[in-house]
Amino acid sequence: DKFKKAIDEIDKTIDHLQKTKEALLGSENNLRLANDKAQDLSIKRL
């Protein structure tokens, strides 16, 4: 029972980390887009 509970907790942790990972990857994409936009920023555009 304890082993199953630990496996369940690990599975939950993995799911949480996976979600965190996906969230971080999503943030990285957003930052990259923001950086790209920042790099493309000019007075003319402003």
All heavy atoms as atom14 arrays in JSON, in Angstrom:
{
  "sequence": "DKFKKAIDEIDKTIDHLQKTKEALLGSENNLRLANDKAQDLSIKRL",
  "atom14_mask": [
    [1, 1, 1, 1, 1, 1, 1, 1, 0, 0, 0, 0, 0, 0],
    [1, 1, 1, 1, 1, 1, 1, 1, 1, 0, 0, 0, 0, 0],
    [1, 1, 1, 1, 1, 1, 1, 1, 1, 1, 1, 0, 0, 0],
    [1, 1, 1, 1, 1, 1, 1, 1, 1, 0, 0, 0, 0, 0],
    [1, 1, 1, 1, 1, 1, 1, 1, 1, 0, 0, 0, 0, 0],
    [1, 1, 1, 1, 1, 0, 0, 0, 0, 0, 0, 0, 0, 0],
    [1, 1, 1, 1, 1, 1, 1, 1, 0, 0, 0, 0, 0, 0],
    [1, 1, 1, 1, 1, 1, 1, 1, 0, 0, 0, 0, 0, 0],
    [1, 1, 1, 1, 1, 1, 1, 1, 1, 0, 0, 0, 0, 0],
    [1, 1, 1, 1, 1, 1, 1, 1, 0, 0, 0, 0, 0, 0],
    [1, 1, 1, 1, 1, 1, 1, 1, 0, 0, 0, 0, 0, 0],
    [1, 1, 1, 1, 1, 1, 1, 1, 1, 0, 0, 0, 0, 0],
    [1, 1, 1, 1, 1, 1, 1, 0, 0, 0, 0, 0, 0, 0],
    [1, 1, 1, 1, 1, 1, 1, 1, 0, 0, 0, 0, 0, 0],
    [1, 1, 1, 1, 1, 1, 1, 1, 0, 0, 0, 0, 0, 0],
    [1, 1, 1, 1, 1, 1, 1, 1, 1, 1, 0, 0, 0, 0],
    [1, 1, 1, 1, 1, 1, 1, 1, 0, 0, 0, 0, 0, 0],
    [1, 1, 1, 1, 1, 1, 1, 1, 1, 0, 0, 0, 0, 0],
    [1, 1, 1, 1, 1, 1, 1, 1, 1, 0, 0, 0, 0, 0],
    [1, 1, 1, 1, 1, 1, 1, 0, 0, 0, 0, 0, 0, 0],
    [1, 1, 1, 1, 1, 1, 1, 1, 1, 0, 0, 0, 0, 0],
    [1, 1, 1, 1, 1, 1, 1, 1, 1, 0, 0, 0, 0, 0],
    [1, 1, 1, 1, 1, 0, 0, 0, 0, 0, 0, 0, 0, 0],
    [1, 1, 1, 1, 1, 1, 1, 1, 0, 0, 0, 0, 0, 0],
    [1, 1, 1, 1, 1, 1, 1, 1, 0, 0, 0, 0, 0, 0],
    [1, 1, 1, 1, 0, 0, 0, 0, 0, 0, 0, 0, 0, 0],
    [1, 1, 1, 1, 1, 1, 0, 0, 0, 0, 0, 0, 0, 0],
    [1, 1, 1, 1, 1, 1, 1, 1, 1, 0, 0, 0, 0, 0],
    [1, 1, 1, 1, 1, 1, 1, 1, 0, 0, 0, 0, 0, 0],
    [1, 1, 1, 1, 1, 1, 1, 1, 0, 0, 0, 0, 0, 0],
    [1, 1, 1, 1, 1, 1, 1, 1, 0, 0, 0, 0, 0, 0],
    [1, 1, 1, 1, 1, 1, 1, 1, 1, 1, 1, 0, 0, 0],
    [1, 1, 1, 1, 1, 1, 1, 1, 0, 0, 0, 0, 0, 0],
    [1, 1, 1, 1, 1, 0, 0, 0, 0, 0, 0, 0, 0, 0],
    [1, 1, 1, 1, 1, 1, 1, 1, 0, 0, 0, 0, 0, 0],
    [1, 1, 1, 1, 1, 1, 1, 1, 0, 0, 0, 0, 0, 0],
    [1, 1, 1, 1, 1, 1, 1, 1, 1, 0, 0, 0, 0, 0],
    [1, 1, 1, 1, 1, 0, 0, 0, 0, 0, 0, 0, 0, 0],
    [1, 1, 1, 1, 1, 1, 1, 1, 1, 0, 0, 0, 0, 0],
    [1, 1, 1, 1, 1, 1, 1, 1, 0, 0, 0, 0, 0, 0],
    [1, 1, 1, 1, 1, 1, 1, 1, 0, 0, 0, 0, 0, 0],
    [1, 1, 1, 1, 1, 1, 0, 0, 0, 0, 0, 0, 0, 0],
    [1, 1, 1, 1, 1, 1, 1, 1, 0, 0, 0, 0, 0, 0],
    [1, 1, 1, 1, 1, 1, 1, 1, 1, 0, 0, 0, 0, 0],
    [1, 1, 1, 1, 1, 1, 1, 1, 1, 1, 1, 0, 0, 0],
    [1, 1, 1, 1, 1, 1, 1, 1, 0, 0, 0, 0, 0, 0]
  ],
  "atom14_positions": [
    [[0.83, -1.21, 0.0], [0.0, 0.0, 0.0], [0.87, 1.26, 0.0], [0.61, 2.22, -0.75], [-0.92, -0.01, 1.22], [-2.0, -1.08, 1.11], [-2.24, -1.53, -0.04], [-2.58, -1.47, 2.14], [0.0, 0.0, 0.0], [0.0, 0.0, 0.0], [0.0, 0.0, 0.0], [0.0, 0.0, 0.0], [0.0, 0.0, 0.0], [0.0, 0.0, 0.0]],
    [[1.91, 1.22, 0.87], [2.79, 2.4, 0.93], [3.53, 2.59, -0.39], [3.73, 3.72, -0.85], [3.79, 2.23, 2.08], [3.13, 2.33, 3.45], [4.16, 2.2, 4.57], [3.48, 2.33, 5.93], [4.45, 2.2, 7.04], [0.0, 0.0, 0.0], [0.0, 0.0, 0.0], [0.0, 0.0, 0.0], [0.0, 0.0, 0.0], [0.0, 0.0, 0.0]],
    [[3.97, 1.47, -0.98], [4.67, 1.55, -2.26], [3.77, 2.15, -3.34], [4.17, 3.02, -4.12], [5.14, 0.16, -2.68], [5.94, 0.14, -3.96], [7.28, 0.54, -3.99], [5.34, -0.25, -5.16], [7.99, 0.51, -5.17], [6.04, -0.27, -6.33], [7.39, 0.11, -6.35], [0.0, 0.0, 0.0], [0.0, 0.0, 0.0], [0.0, 0.0, 0.0]],
    [[2.51, 1.69, -3.34], [1.56, 2.23, -4.32], [1.32, 3.72, -4.09], [1.24, 4.51, -5.04], [0.24, 1.47, -4.25], [0.32, 0.05, -4.81], [-1.01, -0.66, -4.69], [-0.93, -2.06, -5.28], [-2.21, -2.79, -5.14], [0.0, 0.0, 0.0], [0.0, 0.0, 0.0], [0.0, 0.0, 0.0], [0.0, 0.0, 0.0], [0.0, 0.0, 0.0]],
    [[1.21, 4.08, -2.77], [1.01, 5.49, -2.47], [2.21, 6.32, -2.93], [2.06, 7.41, -3.48], [0.79, 5.67, -0.96], [-0.56, 5.17, -0.48], [-0.71, 5.36, 1.02], [-2.07, 4.86, 1.48], [-2.23, 5.01, 2.95], [0.0, 0.0, 0.0], [0.0, 0.0, 0.0], [0.0, 0.0, 0.0], [0.0, 0.0, 0.0], [0.0, 0.0, 0.0]],
    [[3.45, 5.76, -2.68], [4.65, 6.48, -3.12], [4.68, 6.61, -4.63], [5.02, 7.68, -5.17], [5.9, 5.74, -2.62], [0.0, 0.0, 0.0], [0.0, 0.0, 0.0], [0.0, 0.0, 0.0], [0.0, 0.0, 0.0], [0.0, 0.0, 0.0], [0.0, 0.0, 0.0], [0.0, 0.0, 0.0], [0.0, 0.0, 0.0], [0.0, 0.0, 0.0]],
    [[4.3, 5.5, -5.33], [4.26, 5.55, -6.8], [3.25, 6.6, -7.25], [3.5, 7.38, -8.19], [3.91, 4.17, -7.38], [5.05, 3.15, -7.1], [3.65, 4.26, -8.87], [6.36, 3.51, -7.77], [0.0, 0.0, 0.0], [0.0, 0.0, 0.0], [0.0, 0.0, 0.0], [0.0, 0.0, 0.0], [0.0, 0.0, 0.0], [0.0, 0.0, 0.0]],
    [[2.1, 6.62, -6.56], [1.07, 7.62, -6.91], [1.59, 9.03, -6.69], [1.37, 9.94, -7.53], [-0.19, 7.38, -6.07], [-0.9, 6.1, -6.45], [-0.66, 5.6, -7.58], [-1.69, 5.59, -5.63], [0.0, 0.0, 0.0], [0.0, 0.0, 0.0], [0.0, 0.0, 0.0], [0.0, 0.0, 0.0], [0.0, 0.0, 0.0], [0.0, 0.0, 0.0]],
    [[2.3, 9.22, -5.55], [2.85, 10.55, -5.27], [3.89, 10.93, -6.32], [3.95, 12.09, -6.78], [3.47, 10.57, -3.87], [2.45, 10.46, -2.73], [1.5, 11.65, -2.7], [1.92, 12.78, -3.07], [0.33, 11.45, -2.33], [0.0, 0.0, 0.0], [0.0, 0.0, 0.0], [0.0, 0.0, 0.0], [0.0, 0.0, 0.0], [0.0, 0.0, 0.0]],
    [[4.74, 9.93, -6.68], [5.75, 10.2, -7.72], [5.08, 10.55, -9.03], [5.5, 11.49, -9.74], [6.68, 8.98, -7.88], [7.57, 8.82, -6.64], [7.54, 9.11, -9.12], [8.39, 7.54, -6.63], [0.0, 0.0, 0.0], [0.0, 0.0, 0.0], [0.0, 0.0, 0.0], [0.0, 0.0, 0.0], [0.0, 0.0, 0.0], [0.0, 0.0, 0.0]],
    [[3.99, 9.76, -9.35], [3.26, 10.07, -10.59], [2.66, 11.47, -10.54], [2.7, 12.23, -11.53], [2.15, 9.03, -10.8], [2.72, 7.68, -11.19], [3.87, 7.63, -11.67], [2.01, 6.66, -11.0], [0.0, 0.0, 0.0], [0.0, 0.0, 0.0], [0.0, 0.0, 0.0], [0.0, 0.0, 0.0], [0.0, 0.0, 0.0], [0.0, 0.0, 0.0]],
    [[2.13, 11.84, -9.36], [1.57, 13.18, -9.21], [2.66, 14.24, -9.36], [2.47, 15.28, -10.01], [0.9, 13.31, -7.85], [-0.39, 12.51, -7.71], [-0.98, 12.67, -6.32], [-2.25, 11.84, -6.17], [-2.82, 11.96, -4.8], [0.0, 0.0, 0.0], [0.0, 0.0, 0.0], [0.0, 0.0, 0.0], [0.0, 0.0, 0.0], [0.0, 0.0, 0.0]],
    [[3.83, 13.94, -8.72], [4.96, 14.88, -8.81], [5.42, 15.01, -10.26], [5.72, 16.12, -10.74], [6.12, 14.41, -7.93], [5.64, 14.29, -6.56], [7.27, 15.38, -7.96], [0.0, 0.0, 0.0], [0.0, 0.0, 0.0], [0.0, 0.0, 0.0], [0.0, 0.0, 0.0], [0.0, 0.0, 0.0], [0.0, 0.0, 0.0], [0.0, 0.0, 0.0]],
    [[5.49, 13.84, -10.94], [5.91, 13.88, -12.36], [4.93, 14.7, -13.17], [5.32, 15.54, -14.02], [6.04, 12.45, -12.9], [7.25, 11.74, -12.26], [6.17, 12.45, -14.41], [7.35, 10.27, -12.59], [0.0, 0.0, 0.0], [0.0, 0.0, 0.0], [0.0, 0.0, 0.0], [0.0, 0.0, 0.0], [0.0, 0.0, 0.0], [0.0, 0.0, 0.0]],
    [[3.6, 14.48, -12.88], [2.59, 15.27, -13.61], [2.76, 16.77, -13.31], [2.68, 17.63, -14.22], [1.19, 14.83, -13.19], [0.86, 13.44, -13.71], [1.52, 13.01, -14.68], [-0.05, 12.79, -13.15], [0.0, 0.0, 0.0], [0.0, 0.0, 0.0], [0.0, 0.0, 0.0], [0.0, 0.0, 0.0], [0.0, 0.0, 0.0], [0.0, 0.0, 0.0]],
    [[3.03, 17.07, -12.03], [3.21, 18.48, -11.66], [4.44, 19.09, -12.32], [4.4, 20.21, -12.87], [3.32, 18.58, -10.13], [3.52, 19.98, -9.62], [2.55, 20.97, -9.69], [4.62, 20.58, -9.06], [3.01, 22.09, -9.19], [4.27, 21.88, -8.79], [0.0, 0.0, 0.0], [0.0, 0.0, 0.0], [0.0, 0.0, 0.0], [0.0, 0.0, 0.0]],
    [[5.56, 18.3, -12.29], [6.78, 18.78, -12.94], [6.59, 18.92, -14.44], [7.13, 19.84, -15.06], [7.94, 17.81, -12.64], [8.43, 17.79, -11.18], [9.47, 16.68, -11.0], [9.05, 19.15, -10.79], [0.0, 0.0, 0.0], [0.0, 0.0, 0.0], [0.0, 0.0, 0.0], [0.0, 0.0, 0.0], [0.0, 0.0, 0.0], [0.0, 0.0, 0.0]],
    [[5.83, 17.97, -15.0], [5.57, 18.05, -16.43], [4.8, 19.33, -16.76], [5.11, 20.02, -17.73], [4.78, 16.81, -16.89], [4.58, 16.72, -18.39], [5.87, 16.45, -19.14], [6.79, 15.82, -18.6], [6.0, 16.98, -20.35], [0.0, 0.0, 0.0], [0.0, 0.0, 0.0], [0.0, 0.0, 0.0], [0.0, 0.0, 0.0], [0.0, 0.0, 0.0]],
    [[3.81, 19.6, -15.91], [3.05, 20.84, -16.11], [3.94, 22.07, -15.93], [3.86, 23.06, -16.69], [1.87, 20.89, -15.15], [0.79, 19.86, -15.46], [-0.32, 19.93, -14.43], [-1.39, 18.89, -14.74], [-2.48, 18.91, -13.73], [0.0, 0.0, 0.0], [0.0, 0.0, 0.0], [0.0, 0.0, 0.0], [0.0, 0.0, 0.0], [0.0, 0.0, 0.0]],
    [[4.83, 21.99, -14.89], [5.75, 23.1, -14.65], [6.69, 23.27, -15.83], [6.99, 24.38, -16.29], [6.56, 22.85, -13.37], [5.64, 22.66, -12.28], [7.48, 24.01, -13.06], [0.0, 0.0, 0.0], [0.0, 0.0, 0.0], [0.0, 0.0, 0.0], [0.0, 0.0, 0.0], [0.0, 0.0, 0.0], [0.0, 0.0, 0.0], [0.0, 0.0, 0.0]],
    [[7.17, 22.08, -16.33], [8.05, 22.11, -17.48], [7.36, 22.75, -18.68], [7.93, 23.6, -19.38], [8.49, 20.68, -17.83], [9.38, 20.58, -19.04], [9.72, 19.12, -19.34], [10.54, 19.01, -20.61], [10.84, 17.61, -20.94], [0.0, 0.0, 0.0], [0.0, 0.0, 0.0], [0.0, 0.0, 0.0], [0.0, 0.0, 0.0], [0.0, 0.0, 0.0]],
    [[6.11, 22.31, -18.89], [5.36, 22.89, -20.01], [5.14, 24.38, -19.81], [5.23, 25.18, -20.77], [4.01, 22.16, -20.13], [4.15, 20.72, -20.6], [2.82, 20.0, -20.6], [1.82, 20.61, -20.16], [2.77, 18.81, -21.02], [0.0, 0.0, 0.0], [0.0, 0.0, 0.0], [0.0, 0.0, 0.0], [0.0, 0.0, 0.0], [0.0, 0.0, 0.0]],
    [[4.87, 24.75, -18.54], [4.69, 26.18, -18.26], [5.97, 26.97, -18.5], [5.98, 28.07, -19.09], [4.22, 26.36, -16.81], [0.0, 0.0, 0.0], [0.0, 0.0, 0.0], [0.0, 0.0, 0.0], [0.0, 0.0, 0.0], [0.0, 0.0, 0.0], [0.0, 0.0, 0.0], [0.0, 0.0, 0.0], [0.0, 0.0, 0.0], [0.0, 0.0, 0.0]],
    [[7.12, 26.38, -18.07], [8.41, 27.04, -18.28], [8.73, 27.14, -19.77], [9.24, 28.16, -20.25], [9.52, 26.28, -17.55], [9.47, 26.36, -16.02], [10.51, 25.43, -15.4], [9.71, 27.8, -15.56], [0.0, 0.0, 0.0], [0.0, 0.0, 0.0], [0.0, 0.0, 0.0], [0.0, 0.0, 0.0], [0.0, 0.0, 0.0], [0.0, 0.0, 0.0]],
    [[8.43, 26.02, -20.49], [8.67, 26.05, -21.94], [7.79, 27.11, -22.59], [8.23, 27.84, -23.52], [8.39, 24.67, -22.55], [9.38, 23.55, -22.18], [8.92, 22.22, -22.73], [10.76, 23.89, -22.73], [0.0, 0.0, 0.0], [0.0, 0.0, 0.0], [0.0, 0.0, 0.0], [0.0, 0.0, 0.0], [0.0, 0.0, 0.0], [0.0, 0.0, 0.0]],
    [[6.54, 27.2, -22.09], [5.67, 28.25, -22.61], [6.2, 29.65, -22.31], [6.16, 30.56, -23.15], [0.0, 0.0, 0.0], [0.0, 0.0, 0.0], [0.0, 0.0, 0.0], [0.0, 0.0, 0.0], [0.0, 0.0, 0.0], [0.0, 0.0, 0.0], [0.0, 0.0, 0.0], [0.0, 0.0, 0.0], [0.0, 0.0, 0.0], [0.0, 0.0, 0.0]],
    [[6.74, 29.82, -21.1], [7.34, 31.12, -20.72], [8.54, 31.43, -21.59], [8.77, 32.57, -22.01], [7.73, 31.09, -19.24], [6.6, 30.87, -18.44], [0.0, 0.0, 0.0], [0.0, 0.0, 0.0], [0.0, 0.0, 0.0], [0.0, 0.0, 0.0], [0.0, 0.0, 0.0], [0.0, 0.0, 0.0], [0.0, 0.0, 0.0], [0.0, 0.0, 0.0]],
    [[9.36, 30.35, -21.86], [10.55, 30.55, -22.7], [10.15, 31.02, -24.09], [10.77, 31.94, -24.65], [11.33, 29.24, -22.79], [12.61, 29.36, -23.6], [13.31, 28.04, -23.78], [12.74, 27.0, -23.33], [14.4, 28.02, -24.38], [0.0, 0.0, 0.0], [0.0, 0.0, 0.0], [0.0, 0.0, 0.0], [0.0, 0.0, 0.0], [0.0, 0.0, 0.0]],
    [[9.1, 30.44, -24.62], [8.63, 30.85, -25.95], [8.16, 32.32, -25.93], [8.44, 33.11, -26.84], [7.49, 29.95, -26.42], [8.0, 28.56, -26.75], [9.16, 28.39, -27.13], [7.13, 27.56, -26.61], [0.0, 0.0, 0.0], [0.0, 0.0, 0.0], [0.0, 0.0, 0.0], [0.0, 0.0, 0.0], [0.0, 0.0, 0.0], [0.0, 0.0, 0.0]],
    [[7.44, 32.6, -24.83], [6.97, 33.98, -24.71], [8.12, 34.96, -24.59], [8.12, 36.06, -25.19], [6.03, 34.11, -23.5], [4.72, 33.37, -23.72], [4.26, 33.25, -24.86], [4.12, 32.88, -22.65], [0.0, 0.0, 0.0], [0.0, 0.0, 0.0], [0.0, 0.0, 0.0], [0.0, 0.0, 0.0], [0.0, 0.0, 0.0], [0.0, 0.0, 0.0]],
    [[9.16, 34.56, -23.8], [10.34, 35.44, -23.64], [11.08, 35.58, -24.96], [11.58, 36.65, -25.32], [11.27, 34.87, -22.56], [10.76, 35.0, -21.11], [11.69, 34.24, -20.18], [10.69, 36.47, -20.7], [0.0, 0.0, 0.0], [0.0, 0.0, 0.0], [0.0, 0.0, 0.0], [0.0, 0.0, 0.0], [0.0, 0.0, 0.0], [0.0, 0.0, 0.0]],
    [[11.21, 34.44, -25.7], [11.89, 34.5, -26.98], [11.14, 35.43, -27.94], [11.75, 36.26, -28.64], [11.98, 33.09, -27.57], [12.73, 33.03, -28.9], [12.87, 31.6, -29.35], [11.6, 30.9, -29.4], [10.71, 31.06, -30.4], [10.96, 31.88, -31.38], [9.58, 30.39, -30.36], [0.0, 0.0, 0.0], [0.0, 0.0, 0.0], [0.0, 0.0, 0.0]],
    [[9.82, 35.3, -27.96], [9.03, 36.19, -28.82], [9.19, 37.65, -28.38], [9.3, 38.57, -29.21], [7.55, 35.78, -28.77], [7.21, 34.41, -29.4], [5.75, 34.04, -29.13], [7.48, 34.44, -30.91], [0.0, 0.0, 0.0], [0.0, 0.0, 0.0], [0.0, 0.0, 0.0], [0.0, 0.0, 0.0], [0.0, 0.0, 0.0], [0.0, 0.0, 0.0]],
    [[9.19, 37.79, -27.05], [9.36, 39.17, -26.54], [10.73, 39.72, -26.93], [10.89, 40.9, -27.3], [9.19, 39.17, -25.02], [0.0, 0.0, 0.0], [0.0, 0.0, 0.0], [0.0, 0.0, 0.0], [0.0, 0.0, 0.0], [0.0, 0.0, 0.0], [0.0, 0.0, 0.0], [0.0, 0.0, 0.0], [0.0, 0.0, 0.0], [0.0, 0.0, 0.0]],
    [[11.75, 38.84, -26.81], [13.11, 39.26, -27.18], [13.18, 39.6, -28.66], [13.8, 40.61, -29.06], [14.09, 38.16, -26.82], [15.53, 38.57, -27.13], [16.03, 39.58, -26.62], [16.18, 37.8, -28.0], [0.0, 0.0, 0.0], [0.0, 0.0, 0.0], [0.0, 0.0, 0.0], [0.0, 0.0, 0.0], [0.0, 0.0, 0.0], [0.0, 0.0, 0.0]],
    [[12.54, 38.71, -29.46], [12.54, 38.98, -30.9], [11.86, 40.31, -31.19], [12.31, 41.11, -32.02], [11.83, 37.84, -31.64], [12.62, 36.55, -31.59], [13.82, 36.59, -31.28], [12.0, 35.47, -31.83], [0.0, 0.0, 0.0], [0.0, 0.0, 0.0], [0.0, 0.0, 0.0], [0.0, 0.0, 0.0], [0.0, 0.0, 0.0], [0.0, 0.0, 0.0]],
    [[10.78, 40.51, -30.5], [10.08, 41.78, -30.71], [10.92, 42.96, -30.23], [10.91, 44.05, -30.85], [8.74, 41.76, -29.97], [7.72, 40.81, -30.61], [6.41, 40.83, -29.85], [5.39, 39.91, -30.53], [4.11, 39.91, -29.82], [0.0, 0.0, 0.0], [0.0, 0.0, 0.0], [0.0, 0.0, 0.0], [0.0, 0.0, 0.0], [0.0, 0.0, 0.0]],
    [[11.63, 42.7, -29.09], [12.48, 43.79, -28.58], [13.62, 44.08, -29.54], [14.01, 45.25, -29.76], [13.04, 43.42, -27.2], [0.0, 0.0, 0.0], [0.0, 0.0, 0.0], [0.0, 0.0, 0.0], [0.0, 0.0, 0.0], [0.0, 0.0, 0.0], [0.0, 0.0, 0.0], [0.0, 0.0, 0.0], [0.0, 0.0, 0.0], [0.0, 0.0, 0.0]],
    [[14.18, 43.01, -30.12], [15.25, 43.21, -31.08], [14.74, 43.92, -32.33], [15.48, 44.69, -32.97], [15.84, 41.81, -31.47], [16.58, 41.13, -30.34], [17.83, 41.89, -29.92], [18.47, 42.59, -30.75], [18.15, 41.81, -28.65], [0.0, 0.0, 0.0], [0.0, 0.0, 0.0], [0.0, 0.0, 0.0], [0.0, 0.0, 0.0], [0.0, 0.0, 0.0]],
    [[13.51, 43.69, -32.65], [12.96, 44.31, -33.87], [12.38, 45.72, -33.6], [11.84, 46.36, -34.48], [11.87, 43.39, -34.42], [11.48, 43.75, -35.85], [12.37, 44.14, -36.61], [10.28, 43.56, -36.18], [0.0, 0.0, 0.0], [0.0, 0.0, 0.0], [0.0, 0.0, 0.0], [0.0, 0.0, 0.0], [0.0, 0.0, 0.0], [0.0, 0.0, 0.0]],
    [[12.46, 46.12, -32.35], [11.89, 47.42, -31.99], [12.78, 48.55, -32.54], [14.01, 48.51, -32.39], [11.78, 47.51, -30.46], [11.08, 48.75, -29.92], [9.62, 48.82, -30.39], [11.16, 48.79, -28.4], [0.0, 0.0, 0.0], [0.0, 0.0, 0.0], [0.0, 0.0, 0.0], [0.0, 0.0, 0.0], [0.0, 0.0, 0.0], [0.0, 0.0, 0.0]],
    [[12.16, 49.62, -33.15], [12.91, 50.79, -33.66], [12.03, 52.03, -33.5], [10.82, 51.92, -33.21], [13.29, 50.58, -35.14], [12.11, 50.46, -35.92], [0.0, 0.0, 0.0], [0.0, 0.0, 0.0], [0.0, 0.0, 0.0], [0.0, 0.0, 0.0], [0.0, 0.0, 0.0], [0.0, 0.0, 0.0], [0.0, 0.0, 0.0], [0.0, 0.0, 0.0]],
    [[12.71, 53.2, -33.68], [11.95, 54.46, -33.53], [10.86, 54.52, -34.57], [9.76, 55.0, -34.34], [12.92, 55.67, -33.65], [13.88, 55.63, -32.46], [12.14, 56.99, -33.68], [14.96, 56.69, -32.54], [0.0, 0.0, 0.0], [0.0, 0.0, 0.0], [0.0, 0.0, 0.0], [0.0, 0.0, 0.0], [0.0, 0.0, 0.0], [0.0, 0.0, 0.0]],
    [[11.22, 53.99, -35.71], [10.24, 54.03, -36.78], [9.01, 53.25, -36.41], [7.89, 53.7, -36.64], [10.88, 53.5, -38.06], [9.96, 53.62, -39.26], [10.69, 53.11, -40.49], [9.8, 53.25, -41.72], [10.47, 52.77, -42.94], [0.0, 0.0, 0.0], [0.0, 0.0, 0.0], [0.0, 0.0, 0.0], [0.0, 0.0, 0.0], [0.0, 0.0, 0.0]],
    [[9.24, 52.09, -35.78], [8.11, 51.25, -35.37], [7.34, 51.91, -34.24], [6.13, 51.81, -34.17], [8.61, 49.87, -34.95], [8.97, 48.99, -36.13], [9.39, 47.62, -35.6], [9.66, 46.73, -36.71], [8.76, 45.96, -37.31], [7.5, 46.02, -36.95], [9.11, 45.17, -38.3], [0.0, 0.0, 0.0], [0.0, 0.0, 0.0], [0.0, 0.0, 0.0]],
    [[8.12, 52.57, -33.33], [7.46, 53.2, -32.19], [6.59, 54.38, -32.62], [5.57, 54.67, -32.01], [8.49, 53.65, -31.17], [9.21, 52.52, -30.38], [10.31, 53.12, -29.51], [8.23, 51.76, -29.52], [0.0, 0.0, 0.0], [0.0, 0.0, 0.0], [0.0, 0.0, 0.0], [0.0, 0.0, 0.0], [0.0, 0.0, 0.0], [0.0, 0.0, 0.0]]
  ]
}
